């Protein structure tokens, strides 16, 4: 099997699972779905067939030695996926194609499930973050899994929902260790009226605890319990990825703080429907808890990749608050979302100005 066959097979399976009507041999999709499909076709084409990007050869080596514990480490689920690919005798580019298609289709499925304008959500995603997903495709695979289980956290208050969310997050963590952080989002499952208070209190407590542990010299010890030792050495003890405050502070203000401000402002000026409140306040709680990551960013901005996962739910929550009538409030929300996405793109390109050219020029077909 080659990458082209893998690409076609992935699309066929996705189309059947996503659009086939239950118990009917018909496919149902709207005009908005159609435009969304065009956008994710372009996304999957450039991501799945991209070659020789920054991490291309690194993941190629991991795929070739998938049973090597020092390579996969705590990311044992990713090792199992690599093992399956090798068992099926897939070459690296074909294997990569399958996983990236899965990630993009998961983004589309989540957006279509919760948004009334899936095409616009995919458009924002293409601006804000997709250029990084072809490079860091192991995290993108974990993100694809996580988005399939995130609905159990956002709208399911049952015990079963919490268990399923934990299972999904465990799988995602087994693909990429950073997803261990997402267990903290379970704190939003308190009573609705207490979600924001609890989120703020926990965020402040984590930031203070991080500072204290760092000052008394215990931070590295405790981080080693949840992260592979080689990653702790690389990101916290080494100097290769250390970031200056001049880079970290703008990211925190223009991404984490700005998206939270947009959520709160739109909640005040937009139209908040009763059926959407649970989703919106859950996302606000998650974005507040995401601020727990701020201290780690001063060690390395590599951890900012985690923020991309909550972009899609945040975009959807904000767009849910658009009024039915396309008035000034509607235009403000749409323009604000596009502006935020352009800021995200600019931050991704800072220090990596050739990301787009590599994505376009380094392709399996040319």
Protein backbone atom coordinates (compact mmCIF):
# COMPACT_ATOMS: atom_id res chain seq x y z
CA UNK A 1 0.00 0.00 0.00
CA UNK A 2 1.28 3.47 -0.85
CA UNK A 3 0.30 6.90 0.59
CA UNK A 4 -2.16 7.62 -2.23
CA UNK A 5 -4.15 4.44 -1.54
CA UNK A 6 -4.01 5.18 2.19
CA UNK A 7 -5.34 8.68 1.53
CA UNK A 8 -8.23 7.43 -0.62
CA UNK A 9 -9.12 4.64 1.83
CA UNK A 10 -9.09 7.08 4.75
CA UNK A 11 -11.46 9.41 2.94
CA UNK A 12 -13.86 6.63 1.98
CA UNK A 13 -14.09 5.34 5.55
CA UNK A 14 -14.48 8.87 6.92
CA UNK A 15 -17.22 9.78 4.44
CA UNK A 16 -19.22 6.64 5.24
CA UNK A 17 -18.90 7.02 9.02
CA UNK A 18 -19.58 10.77 9.06
CA UNK A 19 -22.36 11.22 6.52
CA UNK A 20 -24.18 7.92 6.04
CA UNK A 21 -27.71 8.07 7.42
CA UNK A 22 -28.45 5.37 9.98
CA UNK A 23 -30.17 2.32 8.48
CA UNK A 24 -30.28 4.06 5.09
CA UNK A 25 -28.07 3.75 2.04
CA UNK A 26 -27.99 7.55 1.58
CA UNK A 27 -25.58 10.29 2.51
CA UNK A 28 -26.76 13.55 4.02
CA UNK A 29 -24.72 16.74 4.21
CA UNK A 30 -25.44 20.46 4.04
CA UNK A 31 -23.90 23.18 1.90
CA UNK A 32 -21.80 24.17 4.91
CA UNK A 33 -20.60 20.57 5.18
CA UNK A 34 -19.64 20.68 1.51
CA UNK A 35 -17.42 23.74 1.93
CA UNK A 36 -15.97 22.23 5.10
CA UNK A 37 -15.09 19.09 3.16
CA UNK A 38 -13.27 21.15 0.53
CA UNK A 39 -11.21 22.80 3.25
CA UNK A 40 -10.27 19.57 5.01
CA UNK A 41 -9.41 17.99 1.65
CA UNK A 42 -6.82 20.74 1.19
CA UNK A 43 -5.72 20.28 4.81
CA UNK A 44 -5.28 16.52 4.55
CA UNK A 45 -3.56 16.81 1.17
CA UNK A 46 -0.86 19.20 2.36
CA UNK A 47 -0.40 17.62 5.79
CA UNK A 48 -0.57 13.94 4.87
CA UNK A 49 1.72 14.25 1.85
CA UNK A 50 4.17 16.68 3.45
CA UNK A 51 7.74 15.38 3.56
CA UNK A 52 11.01 16.34 5.25
CA UNK A 53 9.66 18.88 7.70
CA UNK A 54 11.41 19.62 11.03
CA UNK A 55 10.37 16.36 12.75
CA UNK A 56 9.91 14.15 9.69
CA UNK A 57 13.09 12.10 10.00
CA UNK A 58 12.88 11.95 13.80
CA UNK A 59 9.47 10.25 13.71
CA UNK A 60 10.69 8.11 10.85
CA UNK A 61 13.39 6.72 13.14
CA UNK A 62 10.84 6.16 15.92
CA UNK A 63 8.64 4.24 13.50
CA UNK A 64 11.57 2.08 12.42
CA UNK A 65 12.52 1.10 15.99
CA UNK A 66 9.05 1.07 17.57
CA UNK A 67 9.94 -1.63 20.14
CA UNK A 68 12.83 0.40 21.53
CA UNK A 69 11.71 1.50 25.01
CA UNK A 70 14.08 4.46 25.02
CA UNK A 71 12.33 5.73 21.88
CA UNK A 72 8.69 5.29 22.80
CA UNK A 73 9.07 5.34 26.61
CA UNK A 74 5.85 6.31 28.33
CA UNK A 75 4.25 6.85 24.92
CA UNK A 76 3.57 3.11 24.75
CA UNK A 77 0.29 3.47 22.84
CA UNK A 78 2.11 5.26 20.04
CA UNK A 79 4.62 2.40 20.10
CA UNK A 80 1.77 -0.08 19.66
CA UNK A 81 0.39 1.94 16.74
CA UNK A 82 3.86 1.96 15.17
CA UNK A 83 4.03 -1.80 15.74
CA UNK A 84 0.72 -2.29 13.95
CA UNK A 85 1.94 -0.21 11.04
CA UNK A 86 5.09 -2.30 10.78
CA UNK A 87 3.05 -5.51 11.08
CA UNK A 88 0.95 -4.36 8.11
CA UNK A 89 4.21 -3.54 6.30
CA UNK A 90 3.29 0.12 5.80
CA UNK A 91 6.14 2.42 4.82
CA UNK A 92 6.58 5.51 7.00
CA UNK A 93 4.89 7.97 4.63
CA UNK A 94 1.83 5.71 4.31
CA UNK A 95 1.67 5.22 8.08
CA UNK A 96 1.94 8.97 8.58
CA UNK A 97 -0.82 9.58 6.04
CA UNK A 98 -3.28 7.37 7.95
CA UNK A 99 -2.62 9.10 11.29
CA UNK A 100 -2.81 12.64 9.94
CA UNK A 101 -6.06 11.91 8.09
CA UNK A 102 -7.45 10.52 11.34
CA UNK A 103 -6.49 13.71 13.19
CA UNK A 104 -8.05 16.04 10.61
CA UNK A 105 -11.23 13.95 10.39
CA UNK A 106 -11.53 14.05 14.18
CA UNK A 107 -11.29 17.86 14.11
CA UNK A 108 -14.01 17.96 11.45
CA UNK A 109 -16.25 15.52 13.34
CA UNK A 110 -15.98 17.49 16.60
CA UNK A 111 -16.60 20.80 14.80
CA UNK A 112 -19.58 19.44 12.89
CA UNK A 113 -21.08 17.94 16.03
CA UNK A 114 -21.07 21.19 17.98
CA UNK A 115 -20.92 24.05 15.49
CA UNK A 116 -23.62 25.41 13.20
CA UNK A 117 -20.90 26.45 10.74
CA UNK A 118 -18.34 23.69 10.41
CA UNK A 119 -16.75 25.30 7.34
CA UNK A 120 -15.90 28.45 9.31
CA UNK A 121 -14.46 26.40 12.17
CA UNK A 122 -12.18 24.50 9.77
CA UNK A 123 -11.21 27.80 8.13
CA UNK A 124 -10.14 29.18 11.52
CA UNK A 125 -8.26 25.97 12.32
CA UNK A 126 -6.40 26.18 9.00
CA UNK A 127 -5.25 29.70 9.85
CA UNK A 128 -4.49 29.21 13.54
CA UNK A 129 -2.72 25.90 13.92
CA UNK A 130 -2.76 23.30 11.20
CA UNK A 131 0.71 24.16 9.85
CA UNK A 132 2.18 22.74 13.08
CA UNK A 133 0.10 19.54 13.07
CA UNK A 134 1.90 18.05 10.09
CA UNK A 135 5.20 18.46 11.93
CA UNK A 136 4.14 17.38 15.42
CA UNK A 137 1.90 14.65 14.09
CA UNK A 138 2.26 12.36 17.13
CA UNK A 139 0.62 15.03 19.27
CA UNK A 140 -1.92 15.55 16.47
CA UNK A 141 -2.81 11.85 16.63
CA UNK A 142 -3.30 12.16 20.40
CA UNK A 143 -5.41 15.26 19.79
CA UNK A 144 -7.58 13.29 17.35
CA UNK A 145 -8.24 10.67 20.04
CA UNK A 146 -8.85 13.30 22.71
CA UNK A 147 -11.45 15.18 20.64
CA UNK A 148 -13.45 11.96 20.28
CA UNK A 149 -13.74 11.71 24.08
CA UNK A 150 -13.91 15.41 25.00
CA UNK A 151 -17.74 15.51 24.52
CA UNK A 152 -18.08 13.26 27.58
CA UNK A 153 -16.48 16.03 29.63
CA UNK A 154 -18.29 18.97 28.07
CA UNK A 155 -21.88 17.80 28.15
CA UNK A 156 -22.15 14.48 29.98
CA UNK A 157 -22.43 14.81 33.76
CA UNK A 158 -22.91 11.08 34.36
CA UNK A 159 -20.38 8.81 36.05
CA UNK A 160 -20.10 6.85 32.80
CA UNK A 161 -19.19 10.05 30.96
CA UNK A 162 -16.36 10.81 33.38
CA UNK A 163 -15.03 7.25 33.07
CA UNK A 164 -15.07 7.43 29.27
CA UNK A 165 -13.27 10.79 29.37
CA UNK A 166 -10.60 9.30 31.64
CA UNK A 167 -10.18 6.32 29.28
CA UNK A 168 -9.85 8.59 26.26
CA UNK A 169 -7.34 10.84 28.02
CA UNK A 170 -5.30 7.78 29.08
CA UNK A 171 -5.13 6.64 25.47
CA UNK A 172 -4.12 10.14 24.32
CA UNK A 173 -1.47 10.28 27.08
CA UNK A 174 -0.11 6.93 25.88
CA UNK A 175 0.38 8.54 22.48
CA UNK A 176 1.82 11.83 23.78
CA UNK A 177 2.75 12.35 27.43
CA UNK A 178 1.66 16.00 27.49
CA UNK A 179 -1.97 14.91 27.54
CA UNK A 180 -1.56 13.86 31.17
CA UNK A 181 -2.24 17.54 31.88
CA UNK A 182 -5.79 17.18 30.53
CA UNK A 183 -6.87 15.14 33.54
CA UNK A 184 -7.04 18.44 35.43
CA UNK A 185 -10.03 19.41 33.29
CA UNK A 186 -12.13 16.95 35.29
CA UNK A 187 -12.37 19.74 37.85
CA UNK A 188 -15.01 21.46 35.71
CA UNK A 189 -17.43 18.64 36.57
CA UNK A 190 -18.41 20.37 39.80
CA UNK A 191 -21.75 22.16 40.06
CA UNK A 192 -22.25 24.60 37.17
CA UNK A 193 -22.43 27.67 39.43
CA UNK A 194 -19.03 26.75 40.98
CA UNK A 195 -17.09 25.83 37.83
CA UNK A 196 -15.43 29.18 37.25
CA UNK A 197 -14.63 29.72 40.95
CA UNK A 198 -13.05 26.27 41.21
CA UNK A 199 -11.12 26.75 37.95
CA UNK A 200 -9.69 30.09 39.10
CA UNK A 201 -8.80 28.76 42.55
CA UNK A 202 -7.07 25.65 41.17
CA UNK A 203 -5.19 27.65 38.53
CA UNK A 204 -3.83 30.08 41.12
CA UNK A 205 -2.96 27.21 43.48
CA UNK A 206 -1.04 25.33 40.76
CA UNK A 207 0.90 28.45 39.74
CA UNK A 208 1.87 29.17 43.37
CA UNK A 209 2.78 25.50 43.98
CA UNK A 210 4.91 25.43 40.83
CA UNK A 211 6.77 28.55 42.00
CA UNK A 212 7.37 27.14 45.50
CA UNK A 213 8.56 23.74 44.24
CA UNK A 214 10.90 25.49 41.82
CA UNK A 215 12.40 27.63 44.60
CA UNK A 216 12.93 24.73 47.03
CA UNK A 217 14.41 22.49 44.33
CA UNK A 218 11.69 19.82 44.27
CA UNK A 219 10.11 20.70 40.91
CA UNK A 220 12.24 18.36 38.80
CA UNK A 221 11.65 15.47 41.20
CA UNK A 222 7.87 15.71 40.98
CA UNK A 223 7.80 16.38 37.24
CA UNK A 224 9.74 13.15 36.74
CA UNK A 225 6.73 11.25 38.08
CA UNK A 226 4.52 12.40 35.18
CA UNK A 227 7.03 12.96 32.37
CA UNK A 228 9.75 10.78 30.83
CA UNK A 229 13.15 11.45 32.34
CA UNK A 230 14.66 12.36 28.98
CA UNK A 231 11.96 15.01 28.43
CA UNK A 232 12.56 16.51 31.87
CA UNK A 233 16.28 16.68 31.13
CA UNK A 234 15.63 18.22 27.71
CA UNK A 235 13.05 20.84 28.67
CA UNK A 236 13.89 21.72 32.29
CA UNK A 237 17.57 20.96 32.85
CA UNK A 238 19.02 21.66 29.42
CA UNK A 239 19.18 25.05 27.73
CA UNK A 240 18.31 24.11 24.15
CA UNK A 241 14.61 24.96 24.42
CA UNK A 242 14.61 27.56 27.19
CA UNK A 243 12.48 30.56 26.24
CA UNK A 244 12.95 34.21 27.14
CA UNK A 245 10.16 36.18 28.84
CA UNK A 246 10.02 38.35 25.70
CA UNK A 247 8.61 35.34 23.83
CA UNK A 248 6.57 33.75 26.63
CA UNK A 249 4.66 36.79 27.86
CA UNK A 250 3.29 37.78 24.41
CA UNK A 251 2.14 34.19 23.87
CA UNK A 252 0.33 34.07 27.22
CA UNK A 253 -1.32 37.47 26.65
CA UNK A 254 -2.14 37.08 22.95
CA UNK A 255 -3.30 33.47 23.15
CA UNK A 256 -4.36 32.15 26.55
CA UNK A 257 -5.54 35.44 28.06
CA UNK A 258 -6.97 36.82 24.81
CA UNK A 259 -9.15 33.77 24.08
CA UNK A 260 -10.49 33.91 27.64
CA UNK A 261 -11.29 37.62 27.23
CA UNK A 262 -13.08 36.90 23.95
CA UNK A 263 -15.16 34.18 25.60
CA UNK A 264 -16.21 36.46 28.46
CA UNK A 265 -16.86 39.50 26.25
CA UNK A 266 -18.93 37.48 23.78
CA UNK A 267 -20.89 36.04 26.69
CA UNK A 268 -21.81 39.61 27.65
CA UNK A 269 -22.61 41.00 24.21
CA UNK A 270 -23.66 37.91 22.25
CA UNK A 271 -26.76 35.76 22.28
CA UNK A 272 -26.34 32.93 24.78
CA UNK A 273 -28.90 30.20 24.22
CA UNK A 274 -29.92 28.07 27.17
CA UNK A 275 -29.01 24.86 25.33
CA UNK A 276 -25.43 26.12 24.81
CA UNK A 277 -24.65 27.34 28.34
CA UNK A 278 -23.24 24.04 29.61
CA UNK A 279 -20.86 23.79 26.65
CA UNK A 280 -19.77 27.44 26.86
CA UNK A 281 -19.10 27.46 30.61
CA UNK A 282 -17.26 24.15 30.40
CA UNK A 283 -14.97 25.62 27.73
CA UNK A 284 -14.42 28.78 29.80
CA UNK A 285 -13.44 26.59 32.76
CA UNK A 286 -11.02 24.62 30.58
CA UNK A 287 -9.40 27.80 29.21
CA UNK A 288 -8.93 29.13 32.76
CA UNK A 289 -7.36 25.83 33.86
CA UNK A 290 -5.10 25.97 30.81
CA UNK A 291 -3.43 28.96 32.46
CA UNK A 292 -1.88 26.41 34.86
CA UNK A 293 0.63 25.81 32.08
CA UNK A 294 1.96 29.38 32.21
CA UNK A 295 4.91 28.70 34.58
CA UNK A 296 6.13 25.80 32.44
CA UNK A 297 6.16 28.03 29.36
CA UNK A 298 8.96 30.09 30.91
CA UNK A 299 11.12 26.96 30.72
CA UNK A 300 10.18 26.23 27.14
CA UNK A 301 7.51 27.35 24.70
CA UNK A 302 7.42 23.81 23.36
CA UNK A 303 4.55 23.26 25.81
CA UNK A 304 2.41 25.84 23.98
CA UNK A 305 1.45 23.05 21.60
CA UNK A 306 -1.04 21.87 24.24
CA UNK A 307 -3.01 25.09 23.77
CA UNK A 308 -3.83 24.16 20.16
CA UNK A 309 -6.05 21.37 21.46
CA UNK A 310 -8.47 23.78 23.16
CA UNK A 311 -8.61 26.20 20.22
CA UNK A 312 -11.33 24.28 18.39
CA UNK A 313 -13.71 24.06 21.41
CA UNK A 314 -13.00 27.75 22.13
CA UNK A 315 -13.79 28.82 18.57
CA UNK A 316 -17.02 26.82 18.66
CA UNK A 317 -18.06 28.24 22.06
CA UNK A 318 -17.50 31.81 20.86
CA UNK A 319 -19.33 31.27 17.57
CA UNK A 320 -22.27 29.70 19.43
CA UNK A 321 -22.86 33.16 20.92
CA UNK A 322 -23.40 34.89 17.59
CA UNK A 323 -26.89 36.39 17.24
CA UNK A 324 -29.26 35.03 14.60
CA UNK A 325 -29.31 38.39 12.85
CA UNK A 326 -26.07 39.37 11.15
CA UNK A 327 -25.72 42.66 13.00
CA UNK A 328 -22.76 44.51 14.50
CA UNK A 329 -22.35 41.92 17.26
CA UNK A 330 -22.20 39.11 14.69
CA UNK A 331 -19.53 40.95 12.69
CA UNK A 332 -17.52 41.68 15.83
CA UNK A 333 -17.43 38.01 16.85
CA UNK A 334 -16.51 36.81 13.35
CA UNK A 335 -13.79 39.44 12.91
CA UNK A 336 -12.45 38.76 16.43
CA UNK A 337 -12.14 35.03 15.67
CA UNK A 338 -10.33 35.67 12.39
CA UNK A 339 -8.03 38.22 14.05
CA UNK A 340 -7.19 35.78 16.87
CA UNK A 341 -6.40 33.07 14.30
CA UNK A 342 -4.10 35.43 12.38
CA UNK A 343 -2.30 36.31 15.63
CA UNK A 344 -1.86 32.57 16.28
CA UNK A 345 -0.44 32.12 12.78
CA UNK A 346 1.99 34.99 13.29
CA UNK A 347 3.19 33.51 16.60
CA UNK A 348 3.73 30.14 14.91
CA UNK A 349 5.75 31.80 12.18
CA UNK A 350 7.90 33.77 14.63
CA UNK A 351 11.30 32.16 14.34
CA UNK A 352 9.86 29.65 11.84
CA UNK A 353 9.09 31.85 8.86
CA UNK A 354 9.63 28.99 6.40
CA UNK A 355 6.87 26.74 7.81
CA UNK A 356 4.40 27.56 5.04
CA UNK A 357 6.93 27.26 2.23
CA UNK A 358 8.09 23.86 3.54
CA UNK A 359 4.47 22.70 3.83
CA UNK A 360 3.77 23.66 0.21
CA UNK A 361 7.07 22.75 -1.45
CA UNK A 362 7.97 19.51 0.39
CA UNK A 363 5.33 17.15 -0.94
CA UNK A 364 5.15 13.47 -1.86
CA UNK A 365 4.01 14.39 -5.40
CA UNK A 366 6.79 16.81 -6.24
